[in-house]
C-alpha atoms as a PDB file:
ATOM      1  CA  MET A   1     -44.244 -22.865  13.355  1.00  0.00           C
ATOM      2  CA  ASN A   2     -43.629 -26.593  12.984  1.00  0.00           C
ATOM      3  CA  PHE A   3     -43.879 -26.264   9.160  1.00  0.00           C
ATOM      4  CA  PHE A   4     -41.275 -23.485   9.232  1.00  0.00           C
ATOM      5  CA  LYS A   5     -38.831 -25.523  11.293  1.00  0.00           C
ATOM      6  CA  ARG A   6     -39.335 -28.676   9.253  1.00  0.00           C
ATOM      7  CA  TYR A   7     -39.340 -27.385   5.673  1.00  0.00           C
ATOM      8  CA  ILE A   8     -37.909 -23.865   5.586  1.00  0.00           C
ATOM      9  CA  ALA A   9     -35.412 -23.241   8.376  1.00  0.00           C
ATOM     10  CA  MET A  10     -31.932 -24.723   8.360  1.00  0.00           C
ATOM     11  CA  PRO A  11     -31.164 -27.525  10.829  1.00  0.00           C
ATOM     12  CA  PRO A  12     -30.288 -26.008  14.220  1.00  0.00           C
ATOM     13  CA  GLN A  13     -26.984 -27.883  14.650  1.00  0.00           C
ATOM     14  CA  TYR A  14     -25.354 -25.597  12.043  1.00  0.00           C
ATOM     15  CA  GLY A  15     -26.276 -22.363  13.828  1.00  0.00           C
ATOM     16  CA  LEU A  16     -26.237 -19.162  11.766  1.00  0.00           C
ATOM     17  CA  PHE A  17     -23.505 -20.235   9.344  1.00  0.00           C
ATOM     18  CA  PRO A  18     -25.852 -21.308   6.489  1.00  0.00           C
ATOM     19  CA  TYR A  19     -27.735 -18.008   6.694  1.00  0.00           C
ATOM     20  CA  VAL A  20     -24.565 -15.904   6.360  1.00  0.00           C
ATOM     21  CA  TRP A  21     -23.964 -17.122   2.799  1.00  0.00           C
ATOM     22  CA  LEU A  22     -27.543 -16.284   1.808  1.00  0.00           C
ATOM     23  CA  ILE A  23     -26.764 -12.585   2.301  1.00  0.00           C
ATOM     24  CA  PHE A  24     -24.834 -12.668  -0.977  1.00  0.00           C
ATOM     25  CA  LEU A  25     -28.050 -13.540  -2.825  1.00  0.00           C
ATOM     26  CA  LEU A  26     -29.293 -10.008  -2.208  1.00  0.00           C
ATOM     27  CA  PHE A  27     -27.197  -8.719  -5.118  1.00  0.00           C
ATOM     28  CA  PRO A  28     -28.723 -10.886  -7.880  1.00  0.00           C
ATOM     29  CA  ILE A  29     -32.189 -10.499  -6.375  1.00  0.00           C
ATOM     30  CA  GLY A  30     -31.734  -6.721  -6.412  1.00  0.00           C
ATOM     31  CA  TYR A  31     -30.611  -6.873 -10.031  1.00  0.00           C
ATOM     32  CA  ALA A  32     -33.612  -8.918 -11.153  1.00  0.00           C
ATOM     33  CA  PHE A  33     -36.196  -7.278  -8.897  1.00  0.00           C
ATOM     34  CA  PRO A  34     -38.605  -5.520 -11.283  1.00  0.00           C
ATOM     35  CA  TYR A  35     -39.030  -8.838 -13.198  1.00  0.00           C
ATOM     36  CA  GLN A  36     -39.768  -7.063 -16.484  1.00  0.00           C
ATOM     37  CA  THR A  37     -37.804  -9.258 -18.877  1.00  0.00           C
ATOM     38  CA  VAL A  38     -37.563 -12.985 -19.371  1.00  0.00           C
ATOM     39  CA  LYS A  39     -33.902 -12.837 -18.338  1.00  0.00           C
ATOM     40  CA  GLN A  40     -34.798 -11.358 -14.953  1.00  0.00           C
ATOM     41  CA  GLN A  41     -37.528 -13.943 -14.445  1.00  0.00           C
ATOM     42  CA  ALA A  42     -35.067 -16.726 -15.318  1.00  0.00           C
ATOM     43  CA  ILE A  43     -32.596 -15.339 -12.770  1.00  0.00           C
ATOM     44  CA  MET A  44     -35.252 -15.479 -10.070  1.00  0.00           C
ATOM     45  CA  GLY A  45     -36.199 -19.023 -11.080  1.00  0.00           C
ATOM     46  CA  LEU A  46     -32.576 -20.131 -10.807  1.00  0.00           C
ATOM     47  CA  ILE A  47     -32.256 -18.422  -7.434  1.00  0.00           C
ATOM     48  CA  LEU A  48     -35.339 -20.263  -6.173  1.00  0.00           C
ATOM     49  CA  ILE A  49     -33.942 -23.589  -7.397  1.00  0.00           C
ATOM     50  CA  PHE A  50     -30.654 -22.764  -5.677  1.00  0.00           C
ATOM     51  CA  LEU A  51     -32.426 -21.933  -2.402  1.00  0.00           C
ATOM     52  CA  VAL A  52     -34.254 -25.261  -2.383  1.00  0.00           C
ATOM     53  CA  ALA A  53     -31.072 -27.188  -3.211  1.00  0.00           C
ATOM     54  CA  TYR A  54     -29.050 -25.189  -0.653  1.00  0.00           C
ATOM     55  CA  ARG A  55     -31.518 -25.866   2.142  1.00  0.00           C
ATOM     56  CA  ASN A  56     -31.924 -29.555   1.285  1.00  0.00           C
ATOM     57  CA  GLY A  57     -28.144 -29.980   1.077  1.00  0.00           C
ATOM     58  CA  TYR A  58     -27.986 -29.374   4.826  1.00  0.00           C
ATOM     59  CA  VAL A  59     -30.660 -31.968   5.626  1.00  0.00           C
ATOM     60  CA  THR A  60     -29.574 -35.554   6.122  1.00  0.00           C
ATOM     61  CA  SER A  61     -31.505 -37.831   3.793  1.00  0.00           C
ATOM     62  CA  ARG A  62     -30.783 -40.395   1.123  1.00  0.00           C
ATOM     63  CA  TYR A  63     -31.035 -37.682  -1.579  1.00  0.00           C
ATOM     64  CA  ARG A  64     -28.453 -35.405   0.054  1.00  0.00           C
ATOM     65  CA  ALA A  65     -25.819 -36.116  -2.616  1.00  0.00           C
ATOM     66  CA  PHE A  66     -28.281 -35.130  -5.346  1.00  0.00           C
ATOM     67  CA  TRP A  67     -29.050 -31.788  -3.696  1.00  0.00           C
ATOM     68  CA  ILE A  68     -25.364 -31.023  -3.168  1.00  0.00           C
ATOM     69  CA  ILE A  69     -24.529 -31.833  -6.801  1.00  0.00           C
ATOM     70  CA  LEU A  70     -27.440 -29.722  -8.039  1.00  0.00           C
END
């Protein structure tokens, strides 16, 4: 559980607000779900990069500006 809180979950001071915007990712994930073409695989790769950057943009560190720009 400590790994989940440290590396996956959003910081608790923001509440549920960061998770609300992630609901809108269901549409592109649903579009690319069967992963049969390279385009669909690229969409999923970009979504994964976005998720990492989105989560790290909420964490206070010296690289925060980089994650927000990404």
